[in-house]
Structures are given as structure tokens and as C-alpha cells.
Amino acid sequence: MHLASQEKLAVVNMKYFNLEFGETILVAPQKDGSIRFLQVDLPNASTNSIDGHVSDLAQRGDVISFFSADSNI
């Protein structure tokens, strides 16, 4: 959503995310049936360069620990 106040929001699974803090939202389903989210900021990329940004994202420590948590499925 793009609001009149110029804020950009995303709604994911009935949760609001202010895209000022990052336009990439990672989702990890949990063993207890809940869902965890991690919002990260990636540089704007064209379709030709997005693969490199995703590869870089996969090497980040915060992303690795987010997806390797014991509570994840």
C-alpha cells in the first residue's frame, strides 16, 4: 500500500510492515504452527542483478541464524 502520507506498507499474513525499514520480508514457519518474520533492506536491483543480491543475502549472519533456528520447521 502507498498511503497519502507517502508511507509504503506491506501486509503479510495480516501483519503490517513499514517498507521504510526494508522491502524484503523473510518468512520462517515454526514447529508450533506460528510464523516468524525478518524484514531486511536490500539495495534496489534490476531483474538482471537480483540473483547476486539474493546470494549475498543468503550469506548474512542474521539471515543464517534466522533460518537455522531450532524452532523452524
PDB file of N, CA and C in Angstrom:
ATOM      1  N   MET A   1       0.846  -1.172   0.000  1.00  0.00           N
ATOM      2  CA  MET A   1       0.000   0.000   0.000  1.00  0.00           C
ATOM      3  C   MET A   1       0.890   1.232   0.000  1.00  0.00           C
ATOM      4  N   HIS A   2       0.458   2.214  -0.718  1.00  0.00           N
ATOM      5  CA  HIS A   2       1.139   3.502  -0.698  1.00  0.00           C
ATOM      6  C   HIS A   2       0.137   4.504  -0.145  1.00  0.00           C
ATOM      7  N   LEU A   3       0.378   4.998   1.061  1.00  0.00           N
ATOM      8  CA  LEU A   3      -0.563   5.875   1.745  1.00  0.00           C
ATOM      9  C   LEU A   3      -0.398   7.328   1.307  1.00  0.00           C
ATOM     10  N   ALA A   4      -1.405   8.127   1.580  1.00  0.00           N
ATOM     11  CA  ALA A   4      -1.364   9.552   1.259  1.00  0.00           C
ATOM     12  C   ALA A   4      -0.226  10.255   1.992  1.00  0.00           C
ATOM     13  N   SER A   5       0.167   9.735   3.137  1.00  0.00           N
ATOM     14  CA  SER A   5       1.277  10.307   3.909  1.00  0.00           C
ATOM     15  C   SER A   5       2.642   9.918   3.342  1.00  0.00           C
ATOM     16  N   GLN A   6       2.641   9.260   2.198  1.00  0.00           N
ATOM     17  CA  GLN A   6       3.846   8.804   1.490  1.00  0.00           C
ATOM     18  C   GLN A   6       4.483   7.557   2.106  1.00  0.00           C
ATOM     19  N   GLU A   7       3.874   7.000   3.135  1.00  0.00           N
ATOM     20  CA  GLU A   7       4.387   5.749   3.688  1.00  0.00           C
ATOM     21  C   GLU A   7       4.015   4.600   2.763  1.00  0.00           C
ATOM     22  N   LYS A   8       4.902   3.626   2.702  1.00  0.00           N
ATOM     23  CA  LYS A   8       4.640   2.411   1.948  1.00  0.00           C
ATOM     24  C   LYS A   8       4.555   1.269   2.949  1.00  0.00           C
ATOM     25  N   LEU A   9       3.473   0.513   2.886  1.00  0.00           N
ATOM     26  CA  LEU A   9       3.257  -0.606   3.799  1.00  0.00           C
ATOM     27  C   LEU A   9       3.013  -1.875   3.007  1.00  0.00           C
ATOM     28  N   ALA A  10       3.402  -2.989   3.588  1.00  0.00           N
ATOM     29  CA  ALA A  10       3.074  -4.302   3.037  1.00  0.00           C
ATOM     30  C   ALA A  10       2.294  -5.048   4.103  1.00  0.00           C
ATOM     31  N   VAL A  11       1.312  -5.819   3.666  1.00  0.00           N
ATOM     32  CA  VAL A  11       0.551  -6.661   4.578  1.00  0.00           C
ATOM     33  C   VAL A  11       0.887  -8.111   4.235  1.00  0.00           C
ATOM     34  N   VAL A  12       1.461  -8.810   5.213  1.00  0.00           N
ATOM     35  CA  VAL A  12       1.830 -10.210   5.039  1.00  0.00           C
ATOM     36  C   VAL A  12       1.229 -10.984   6.193  1.00  0.00           C
ATOM     37  N   ASN A  13       0.345 -11.900   5.879  1.00  0.00           N
ATOM     38  CA  ASN A  13      -0.303 -12.719   6.900  1.00  0.00           C
ATOM     39  C   ASN A  13      -0.917 -11.857   8.011  1.00  0.00           C
ATOM     40  N   MET A  14      -1.608 -10.805   7.611  1.00  0.00           N
ATOM     41  CA  MET A  14      -2.319  -9.877   8.481  1.00  0.00           C
ATOM     42  C   MET A  14      -1.385  -9.067   9.387  1.00  0.00           C
ATOM     43  N   LYS A  15      -0.106  -8.972   9.056  1.00  0.00           N
ATOM     44  CA  LYS A  15       0.844  -8.119   9.774  1.00  0.00           C
ATOM     45  C   LYS A  15       1.265  -6.999   8.837  1.00  0.00           C
ATOM     46  N   TYR A  16       1.392  -5.796   9.392  1.00  0.00           N
ATOM     47  CA  TYR A  16       1.811  -4.634   8.622  1.00  0.00           C
ATOM     48  C   TYR A  16       3.314  -4.432   8.757  1.00  0.00           C
ATOM     49  N   PHE A  17       3.960  -4.150   7.638  1.00  0.00           N
ATOM     50  CA  PHE A  17       5.387  -3.866   7.621  1.00  0.00           C
ATOM     51  C   PHE A  17       5.586  -2.519   6.943  1.00  0.00           C
ATOM     52  N   ASN A  18       6.292  -1.617   7.617  1.00  0.00           N
ATOM     53  CA  ASN A  18       6.641  -0.335   7.031  1.00  0.00           C
ATOM     54  C   ASN A  18       7.861  -0.579   6.151  1.00  0.00           C
ATOM     55  N   LEU A  19       7.709  -0.365   4.859  1.00  0.00           N
ATOM     56  CA  LEU A  19       8.769  -0.690   3.919  1.00  0.00           C
ATOM     57  C   LEU A  19       9.943   0.281   3.966  1.00  0.00           C
ATOM     58  N   GLU A  20       9.831   1.308   4.803  1.00  0.00           N
ATOM     59  CA  GLU A  20      10.971   2.208   5.020  1.00  0.00           C
ATOM     60  C   GLU A  20      12.127   1.452   5.664  1.00  0.00           C
ATOM     61  N   PHE A  21      11.822   0.384   6.385  1.00  0.00           N
ATOM     62  CA  PHE A  21      12.833  -0.396   7.095  1.00  0.00           C
ATOM     63  C   PHE A  21      13.354  -1.569   6.281  1.00  0.00           C
ATOM     64  N   GLY A  22      12.918  -1.700   5.050  1.00  0.00           N
ATOM     65  CA  GLY A  22      13.362  -2.773   4.168  1.00  0.00           C
ATOM     66  C   GLY A  22      12.192  -3.325   3.392  1.00  0.00           C
ATOM     67  N   GLU A  23      12.438  -3.603   2.139  1.00  0.00           N
ATOM     68  CA  GLU A  23      11.363  -4.085   1.280  1.00  0.00           C
ATOM     69  C   GLU A  23      11.386  -5.588   1.097  1.00  0.00           C
ATOM     70  N   THR A  24      12.294  -6.264   1.787  1.00  0.00           N
ATOM     71  CA  THR A  24      12.369  -7.718   1.697  1.00  0.00           C
ATOM     72  C   THR A  24      11.928  -8.302   3.035  1.00  0.00           C
ATOM     73  N   ILE A  25      10.944  -9.180   2.987  1.00  0.00           N
ATOM     74  CA  ILE A  25      10.409  -9.793   4.203  1.00  0.00           C
ATOM     75  C   ILE A  25      10.593 -11.300   4.082  1.00  0.00           C
ATOM     76  N   LEU A  26      11.381 -11.849   4.983  1.00  0.00           N
ATOM     77  CA  LEU A  26      11.649 -13.285   5.002  1.00  0.00           C
ATOM     78  C   LEU A  26      10.693 -13.945   5.983  1.00  0.00           C
ATOM     79  N   VAL A  27      10.262 -15.160   5.650  1.00  0.00           N
ATOM     80  CA  VAL A  27       9.254 -15.855   6.447  1.00  0.00           C
ATOM     81  C   VAL A  27       9.775 -17.240   6.811  1.00  0.00           C
ATOM     82  N   ALA A  28       9.659 -17.591   8.098  1.00  0.00           N
ATOM     83  CA  ALA A  28      10.078 -18.915   8.560  1.00  0.00           C
ATOM     84  C   ALA A  28       8.940 -19.553   9.355  1.00  0.00           C
ATOM     85  N   PRO A  29       8.341 -20.622   8.825  1.00  0.00           N
ATOM     86  CA  PRO A  29       7.299 -21.321   9.591  1.00  0.00           C
ATOM     87  C   PRO A  29       7.914 -22.050  10.792  1.00  0.00           C
ATOM     88  N   GLN A  30       7.170 -22.050  11.883  1.00  0.00           N
ATOM     89  CA  GLN A  30       7.656 -22.623  13.137  1.00  0.00           C
ATOM     90  C   GLN A  30       6.986 -23.972  13.409  1.00  0.00           C
ATOM     91  N   LYS A  31       7.634 -24.787  14.216  1.00  0.00           N
ATOM     92  CA  LYS A  31       7.108 -26.099  14.568  1.00  0.00           C
ATOM     93  C   LYS A  31       5.783 -26.003  15.311  1.00  0.00           C
ATOM     94  N   ASP A  32       5.573 -24.891  16.040  1.00  0.00           N
ATOM     95  CA  ASP A  32       4.323 -24.742  16.802  1.00  0.00           C
ATOM     96  C   ASP A  32       3.175 -24.197  15.945  1.00  0.00           C
ATOM     97  N   GLY A  33       3.407 -24.017  14.636  1.00  0.00           N
ATOM     98  CA  GLY A  33       2.361 -23.540  13.735  1.00  0.00           C
ATOM     99  C   GLY A  33       2.375 -22.036  13.506  1.00  0.00           C
ATOM    100  N   SER A  34       3.186 -21.305  14.242  1.00  0.00           N
ATOM    101  CA  SER A  34       3.267 -19.859  14.051  1.00  0.00           C
ATOM    102  C   SER A  34       4.258 -19.546  12.921  1.00  0.00           C
ATOM    103  N   ILE A  35       4.388 -18.271  12.634  1.00  0.00           N
ATOM    104  CA  ILE A  35       5.283 -17.818  11.578  1.00  0.00           C
ATOM    105  C   ILE A  35       6.147 -16.686  12.122  1.00  0.00           C
ATOM    106  N   ARG A  36       7.450 -16.718  11.833  1.00  0.00           N
ATOM    107  CA  ARG A  36       8.366 -15.636  12.198  1.00  0.00           C
ATOM    108  C   ARG A  36       8.732 -14.869  10.946  1.00  0.00           C
ATOM    109  N   PHE A  37       8.943 -13.577  11.112  1.00  0.00           N
ATOM    110  CA  PHE A  37       9.296 -12.707  10.001  1.00  0.00           C
ATOM    111  C   PHE A  37      10.606 -12.003  10.294  1.00  0.00           C
ATOM    112  N   LEU A  38      11.365 -11.736   9.237  1.00  0.00           N
ATOM    113  CA  LEU A  38      12.564 -10.920   9.319  1.00  0.00           C
ATOM    114  C   LEU A  38      12.525  -9.946   8.157  1.00  0.00           C
ATOM    115  N   GLN A  39      12.532  -8.666   8.477  1.00  0.00           N
ATOM    116  CA  GLN A  39      12.494  -7.626   7.459  1.00  0.00           C
ATOM    117  C   GLN A  39      13.906  -7.105   7.247  1.00  0.00           C
ATOM    118  N   VAL A  40      14.372  -7.142   6.008  1.00  0.00           N
ATOM    119  CA  VAL A  40      15.734  -6.707   5.698  1.00  0.00           C
ATOM    120  C   VAL A  40      15.711  -5.696   4.555  1.00  0.00           C
ATOM    121  N   ASP A  41      16.751  -4.911   4.523  1.00  0.00           N
ATOM    122  CA  ASP A  41      16.876  -3.886   3.494  1.00  0.00           C
ATOM    123  C   ASP A  41      17.904  -4.333   2.471  1.00  0.00           C
ATOM    124  N   LEU A  42      17.483  -4.478   1.229  1.00  0.00           N
ATOM    125  CA  LEU A  42      18.376  -4.803   0.127  1.00  0.00           C
ATOM    126  C   LEU A  42      18.435  -3.608  -0.809  1.00  0.00           C
ATOM    127  N   PRO A  43      19.535  -3.447  -1.512  1.00  0.00           N
ATOM    128  CA  PRO A  43      19.583  -2.363  -2.486  1.00  0.00           C
ATOM    129  C   PRO A  43      18.575  -2.610  -3.608  1.00  0.00           C
ATOM    130  N   ASN A  44      18.086  -1.537  -4.197  1.00  0.00           N
ATOM    131  CA  ASN A  44      17.204  -1.682  -5.345  1.00  0.00           C
ATOM    132  C   ASN A  44      17.971  -2.389  -6.451  1.00  0.00           C
ATOM    133  N   ALA A  45      17.321  -3.333  -7.091  1.00  0.00           N
ATOM    134  CA  ALA A  45      18.013  -4.129  -8.100  1.00  0.00           C
ATOM    135  C   ALA A  45      17.110  -4.350  -9.303  1.00  0.00           C
ATOM    136  N   SER A  46      17.744  -4.489 -10.422  1.00  0.00           N
ATOM    137  CA  SER A  46      17.009  -4.847 -11.631  1.00  0.00           C
ATOM    138  C   SER A  46      16.822  -6.363 -11.643  1.00  0.00           C
ATOM    139  N   THR A  47      16.016  -6.834 -12.548  1.00  0.00           N
ATOM    140  CA  THR A  47      15.805  -8.276 -12.640  1.00  0.00           C
ATOM    141  C   THR A  47      17.092  -8.997 -13.025  1.00  0.00           C
ATOM    142  N   ASN A  48      18.013  -8.297 -13.685  1.00  0.00           N
ATOM    143  CA  ASN A  48      19.286  -8.917 -14.078  1.00  0.00           C
ATOM    144  C   ASN A  48      20.242  -9.085 -12.911  1.00  0.00           C
ATOM    145  N   SER A  49      20.138  -8.230 -11.892  1.00  0.00           N
ATOM    146  CA  SER A  49      21.104  -8.280 -10.793  1.00  0.00           C
ATOM    147  C   SER A  49      20.530  -8.825  -9.489  1.00  0.00           C
ATOM    148  N   ILE A  50      19.270  -9.194  -9.474  1.00  0.00           N
ATOM    149  CA  ILE A  50      18.642  -9.636  -8.220  1.00  0.00           C
ATOM    150  C   ILE A  50      19.267 -10.930  -7.695  1.00  0.00           C
ATOM    151  N   ASP A  51      19.700 -11.820  -8.591  1.00  0.00           N
ATOM    152  CA  ASP A  51      20.288 -13.083  -8.144  1.00  0.00           C
ATOM    153  C   ASP A  51      21.519 -12.851  -7.272  1.00  0.00           C
ATOM    154  N   GLY A  52      22.341 -11.883  -7.625  1.00  0.00           N
ATOM    155  CA  GLY A  52      23.520 -11.576  -6.823  1.00  0.00           C
ATOM    156  C   GLY A  52      23.154 -11.053  -5.451  1.00  0.00           C
ATOM    157  N   HIS A  53      22.116 -10.229  -5.377  1.00  0.00           N
ATOM    158  CA  HIS A  53      21.681  -9.699  -4.086  1.00  0.00           C
ATOM    159  C   HIS A  53      21.103 -10.802  -3.201  1.00  0.00           C
ATOM    160  N   VAL A  54      20.378 -11.717  -3.805  1.00  0.00           N
ATOM    161  CA  VAL A  54      19.818 -12.835  -3.037  1.00  0.00           C
ATOM    162  C   VAL A  54      20.943 -13.746  -2.545  1.00  0.00           C
ATOM    163  N   SER A  55      21.948 -13.975  -3.364  1.00  0.00           N
ATOM    164  CA  SER A  55      23.101 -14.776  -2.931  1.00  0.00           C
ATOM    165  C   SER A  55      23.820 -14.112  -1.767  1.00  0.00           C
ATOM    166  N   ASP A  56      23.994 -12.794  -1.843  1.00  0.00           N
ATOM    167  CA  ASP A  56      24.615 -12.059  -0.741  1.00  0.00           C
ATOM    168  C   ASP A  56      23.764 -12.151   0.527  1.00  0.00           C
ATOM    169  N   LEU A  57      22.469 -12.077   0.357  1.00  0.00           N
ATOM    170  CA  LEU A  57      21.548 -12.162   1.492  1.00  0.00           C
ATOM    171  C   LEU A  57      21.684 -13.512   2.186  1.00  0.00           C
ATOM    172  N   ALA A  58      21.843 -14.567   1.400  1.00  0.00           N
ATOM    173  CA  ALA A  58      21.953 -15.916   1.955  1.00  0.00           C
ATOM    174  C   ALA A  58      23.229 -16.109   2.775  1.00  0.00           C
ATOM    175  N   GLN A  59      24.201 -15.223   2.628  1.00  0.00           N
ATOM    176  CA  GLN A  59      25.459 -15.316   3.365  1.00  0.00           C
ATOM    177  C   GLN A  59      25.481 -14.464   4.629  1.00  0.00           C
ATOM    178  N   ARG A  60      24.457 -13.650   4.832  1.00  0.00           N
ATOM    179  CA  ARG A  60      24.420 -12.757   6.004  1.00  0.00           C
ATOM    180  C   ARG A  60      24.181 -13.556   7.280  1.00  0.00           C
ATOM    181  N   GLY A  61      24.878 -13.202   8.330  1.00  0.00           N
ATOM    182  CA  GLY A  61      24.767 -13.912   9.606  1.00  0.00           C
ATOM    183  C   GLY A  61      23.382 -13.852  10.204  1.00  0.00           C
ATOM    184  N   ASP A  62      22.714 -12.690  10.125  1.00  0.00           N
ATOM    185  CA  ASP A  62      21.376 -12.585  10.697  1.00  0.00           C
ATOM    186  C   ASP A  62      20.372 -13.451   9.951  1.00  0.00           C
ATOM    187  N   VAL A  63      20.551 -13.593   8.660  1.00  0.00           N
ATOM    188  CA  VAL A  63      19.644 -14.424   7.859  1.00  0.00           C
ATOM    189  C   VAL A  63      19.912 -15.902   8.125  1.00  0.00           C
ATOM    190  N   ILE A  64      21.174 -16.260   8.219  1.00  0.00           N
ATOM    191  CA  ILE A  64      21.520 -17.658   8.512  1.00  0.00           C
ATOM    192  C   ILE A  64      20.963 -18.078   9.867  1.00  0.00           C
ATOM    193  N   SER A  65      21.136 -17.244  10.877  1.00  0.00           N
ATOM    194  CA  SER A  65      20.620 -17.610  12.209  1.00  0.00           C
ATOM    195  C   SER A  65      19.094 -17.603  12.232  1.00  0.00           C
ATOM    196  N   PHE A  66      18.474 -16.719  11.445  1.00  0.00           N
ATOM    197  CA  PHE A  66      17.010 -16.686  11.374  1.00  0.00           C
ATOM    198  C   PHE A  66      16.465 -18.002  10.832  1.00  0.00           C
ATOM    199  N   PHE A  67      17.054 -18.508   9.754  1.00  0.00           N
ATOM    200  CA  PHE A  67      16.542 -19.728   9.137  1.00  0.00           C
ATOM    201  C   PHE A  67      17.064 -21.009   9.776  1.00  0.00           C
ATOM    202  N   SER A  68      18.109 -20.936  10.579  1.00  0.00           N
ATOM    203  CA  SER A  68      18.649 -22.145  11.205  1.00  0.00           C
ATOM    204  C   SER A  68      18.208 -22.316  12.643  1.00  0.00           C
ATOM    205  N   ALA A  69      17.287 -21.499  13.116  1.00  0.00           N
ATOM    206  CA  ALA A  69      16.789 -21.623  14.493  1.00  0.00           C
ATOM    207  C   ALA A  69      16.127 -22.984  14.697  1.00  0.00           C
ATOM    208  N   ASP A  70      16.311 -23.558  15.879  1.00  0.00           N
ATOM    209  CA  ASP A  70      15.745 -24.867  16.191  1.00  0.00           C
ATOM    210  C   ASP A  70      14.227 -24.909  16.118  1.00  0.00           C
ATOM    211  N   SER A  71      13.589 -23.752  16.299  1.00  0.00           N
ATOM    212  CA  SER A  71      12.123 -23.717  16.318  1.00  0.00           C
ATOM    213  C   SER A  71      11.523 -23.741  14.914  1.00  0.00           C
ATOM    214  N   ASN A  72      12.350 -23.595  13.875  1.00  0.00           N
ATOM    215  CA  ASN A  72      11.847 -23.622  12.498  1.00  0.00           C
ATOM    216  C   ASN A  72      11.524 -25.035  12.049  1.00  0.00           C
ATOM    217  N   ILE A  73      10.627 -25.116  11.109  1.00  0.00           N
ATOM    218  CA  ILE A  73      10.308 -26.421  10.505  1.00  0.00           C
ATOM    219  C   ILE A  73      11.435 -26.807   9.578  1.00  0.00           C
TER     220      ILE A  73
END
